C-alpha atoms as a PDB file:
ATOM      1  CA  UNK A   1      -2.811  21.642   4.395  1.00  0.00           C
ATOM      2  CA  UNK A   2      -3.165  17.879   4.263  1.00  0.00           C
ATOM      3  CA  UNK A   3      -0.375  15.807   2.822  1.00  0.00           C
ATOM      4  CA  UNK A   4      -1.303  13.659  -0.040  1.00  0.00           C
ATOM      5  CA  UNK A   5      -2.574  10.079   0.616  1.00  0.00           C
ATOM      6  CA  UNK A   6      -0.145   7.295  -0.235  1.00  0.00           C
ATOM      7  CA  UNK A   7      -0.821   3.718  -0.830  1.00  0.00           C
ATOM      8  CA  UNK A   8       0.896   2.821   2.440  1.00  0.00           C
ATOM      9  CA  UNK A   9      -1.863   4.856   4.208  1.00  0.00           C
ATOM     10  CA  UNK A  10      -4.632   2.834   2.401  1.00  0.00           C
ATOM     11  CA  UNK A  11      -2.914  -0.452   3.277  1.00  0.00           C
ATOM     12  CA  UNK A  12      -2.543   0.680   6.889  1.00  0.00           C
ATOM     13  CA  UNK A  13      -6.171   1.527   7.140  1.00  0.00           C
ATOM     14  CA  UNK A  14      -7.772  -1.193   5.063  1.00  0.00           C
ATOM     15  CA  UNK A  15      -5.152  -4.040   4.772  1.00  0.00           C
ATOM     16  CA  UNK A  16      -6.340  -6.150   7.701  1.00  0.00           C
ATOM     17  CA  UNK A  17      -9.943  -5.890   6.509  1.00  0.00           C
ATOM     18  CA  UNK A  18      -8.960  -6.770   2.979  1.00  0.00           C
ATOM     19  CA  UNK A  19      -6.938  -9.801   4.010  1.00  0.00           C
ATOM     20  CA  UNK A  20      -9.834 -11.035   6.174  1.00  0.00           C
ATOM     21  CA  UNK A  21     -12.399 -10.638   3.402  1.00  0.00           C
ATOM     22  CA  UNK A  22     -10.367 -11.832   0.436  1.00  0.00           C
ATOM     23  CA  UNK A  23      -8.111 -14.783   0.153  1.00  0.00           C
ATOM     24  CA  UNK A  24      -4.870 -13.090  -0.658  1.00  0.00           C
ATOM     25  CA  UNK A  25      -1.937 -14.948  -2.073  1.00  0.00           C
ATOM     26  CA  UNK A  26       1.270 -15.093  -0.002  1.00  0.00           C
ATOM     27  CA  UNK A  27       3.001 -12.736  -2.590  1.00  0.00           C
ATOM     28  CA  UNK A  28       0.181 -10.252  -2.180  1.00  0.00           C
ATOM     29  CA  UNK A  29       0.519 -10.194   1.591  1.00  0.00           C
ATOM     30  CA  UNK A  30       4.290  -9.917   1.322  1.00  0.00           C
ATOM     31  CA  UNK A  31       4.032  -6.897  -1.152  1.00  0.00           C
ATOM     32  CA  UNK A  32       1.465  -5.195   1.351  1.00  0.00           C
ATOM     33  CA  UNK A  33       3.915  -5.681   4.085  1.00  0.00           C
ATOM     34  CA  UNK A  34       6.812  -4.268   2.100  1.00  0.00           C
ATOM     35  CA  UNK A  35       4.748  -1.217   1.149  1.00  0.00           C
ATOM     36  CA  UNK A  36       4.046  -0.521   4.833  1.00  0.00           C
ATOM     37  CA  UNK A  37       7.808  -0.706   5.612  1.00  0.00           C
ATOM     38  CA  UNK A  38       8.890   1.339   2.530  1.00  0.00           C
ATOM     39  CA  UNK A  39      10.860   4.503   3.324  1.00  0.00           C
ATOM     40  CA  UNK A  40      10.477   4.040   7.109  1.00  0.00           C
ATOM     41  CA  UNK A  41      13.020   3.595   9.885  1.00  0.00           C
ATOM     42  CA  UNK A  42      12.327  -0.191   9.744  1.00  0.00           C
ATOM     43  CA  UNK A  43      14.402  -0.439   6.545  1.00  0.00           C
ATOM     44  CA  UNK A  44      17.159   1.901   7.732  1.00  0.00           C
ATOM     45  CA  UNK A  45      18.438   4.887   5.895  1.00  0.00           C
ATOM     46  CA  UNK A  46      21.352   6.750   4.393  1.00  0.00           C
ATOM     47  CA  UNK A  47      22.704  10.278   4.212  1.00  0.00           C
ATOM     48  CA  UNK A  48      23.281  12.250   1.036  1.00  0.00           C
ATOM     49  CA  UNK A  49      25.726  15.127   0.933  1.00  0.00           C
ATOM     50  CA  UNK A  50      25.257  17.931  -1.680  1.00  0.00           C
ATOM     51  CA  UNK A  51      28.500  18.242  -3.765  1.00  0.00           C
ATOM     52  CA  UNK A  52      27.792  22.023  -4.151  1.00  0.00           C
ATOM     53  CA  UNK A  53      26.894  23.283  -0.705  1.00  0.00           C
ATOM     54  CA  UNK A  54      27.727  20.396   1.586  1.00  0.00           C
ATOM     55  CA  UNK A  55      24.228  20.169   3.048  1.00  0.00           C
ATOM     56  CA  UNK A  56      23.294  16.752   4.475  1.00  0.00           C
ATOM     57  CA  UNK A  57      19.988  15.033   3.845  1.00  0.00           C
ATOM     58  CA  UNK A  58      18.988  11.842   5.606  1.00  0.00           C
ATOM     59  CA  UNK A  59      16.652   9.590   3.586  1.00  0.00           C
ATOM     60  CA  UNK A  60      15.036   6.274   4.523  1.00  0.00           C
ATOM     61  CA  UNK A  61      15.666   3.297   2.314  1.00  0.00           C
ATOM     62  CA  UNK A  62      12.858   2.100  -0.090  1.00  0.00           C
ATOM     63  CA  UNK A  63      11.568  -1.536  -0.055  1.00  0.00           C
ATOM     64  CA  UNK A  64      12.791  -2.249  -3.509  1.00  0.00           C
ATOM     65  CA  UNK A  65       9.644  -4.077  -4.489  1.00  0.00           C
ATOM     66  CA  UNK A  66       8.624  -3.537  -8.076  1.00  0.00           C
ATOM     67  CA  UNK A  67       5.011  -3.293  -7.068  1.00  0.00           C
ATOM     68  CA  UNK A  68       5.600  -0.425  -4.761  1.00  0.00           C
ATOM     69  CA  UNK A  69       4.509   3.005  -6.130  1.00  0.00           C
ATOM     70  CA  UNK A  70       7.534   4.632  -4.255  1.00  0.00           C
ATOM     71  CA  UNK A  71       9.867   3.106  -6.721  1.00  0.00           C
ATOM     72  CA  UNK A  72       8.586   4.877  -9.776  1.00  0.00           C
ATOM     73  CA  UNK A  73      11.087   7.351 -11.200  1.00  0.00           C
ATOM     74  CA  UNK A  74      13.886   6.107  -8.995  1.00  0.00           C
END
């Protein structure tokens, strides 16, 4: 089964082409770059320990940009 497509996948595939064809503002380029880094090893990570069972989860940090769809519901 295929995993759902995320905005970072679209930026990864078409970001260079978009930035070549359109005159993007510096903020738009910065947001695209942050979206590519969001929840990857580039931004580091942290571990969460369950209070009930003690299981450990390692999670990558998000970019924190308000334009990033990964931030919704956080």
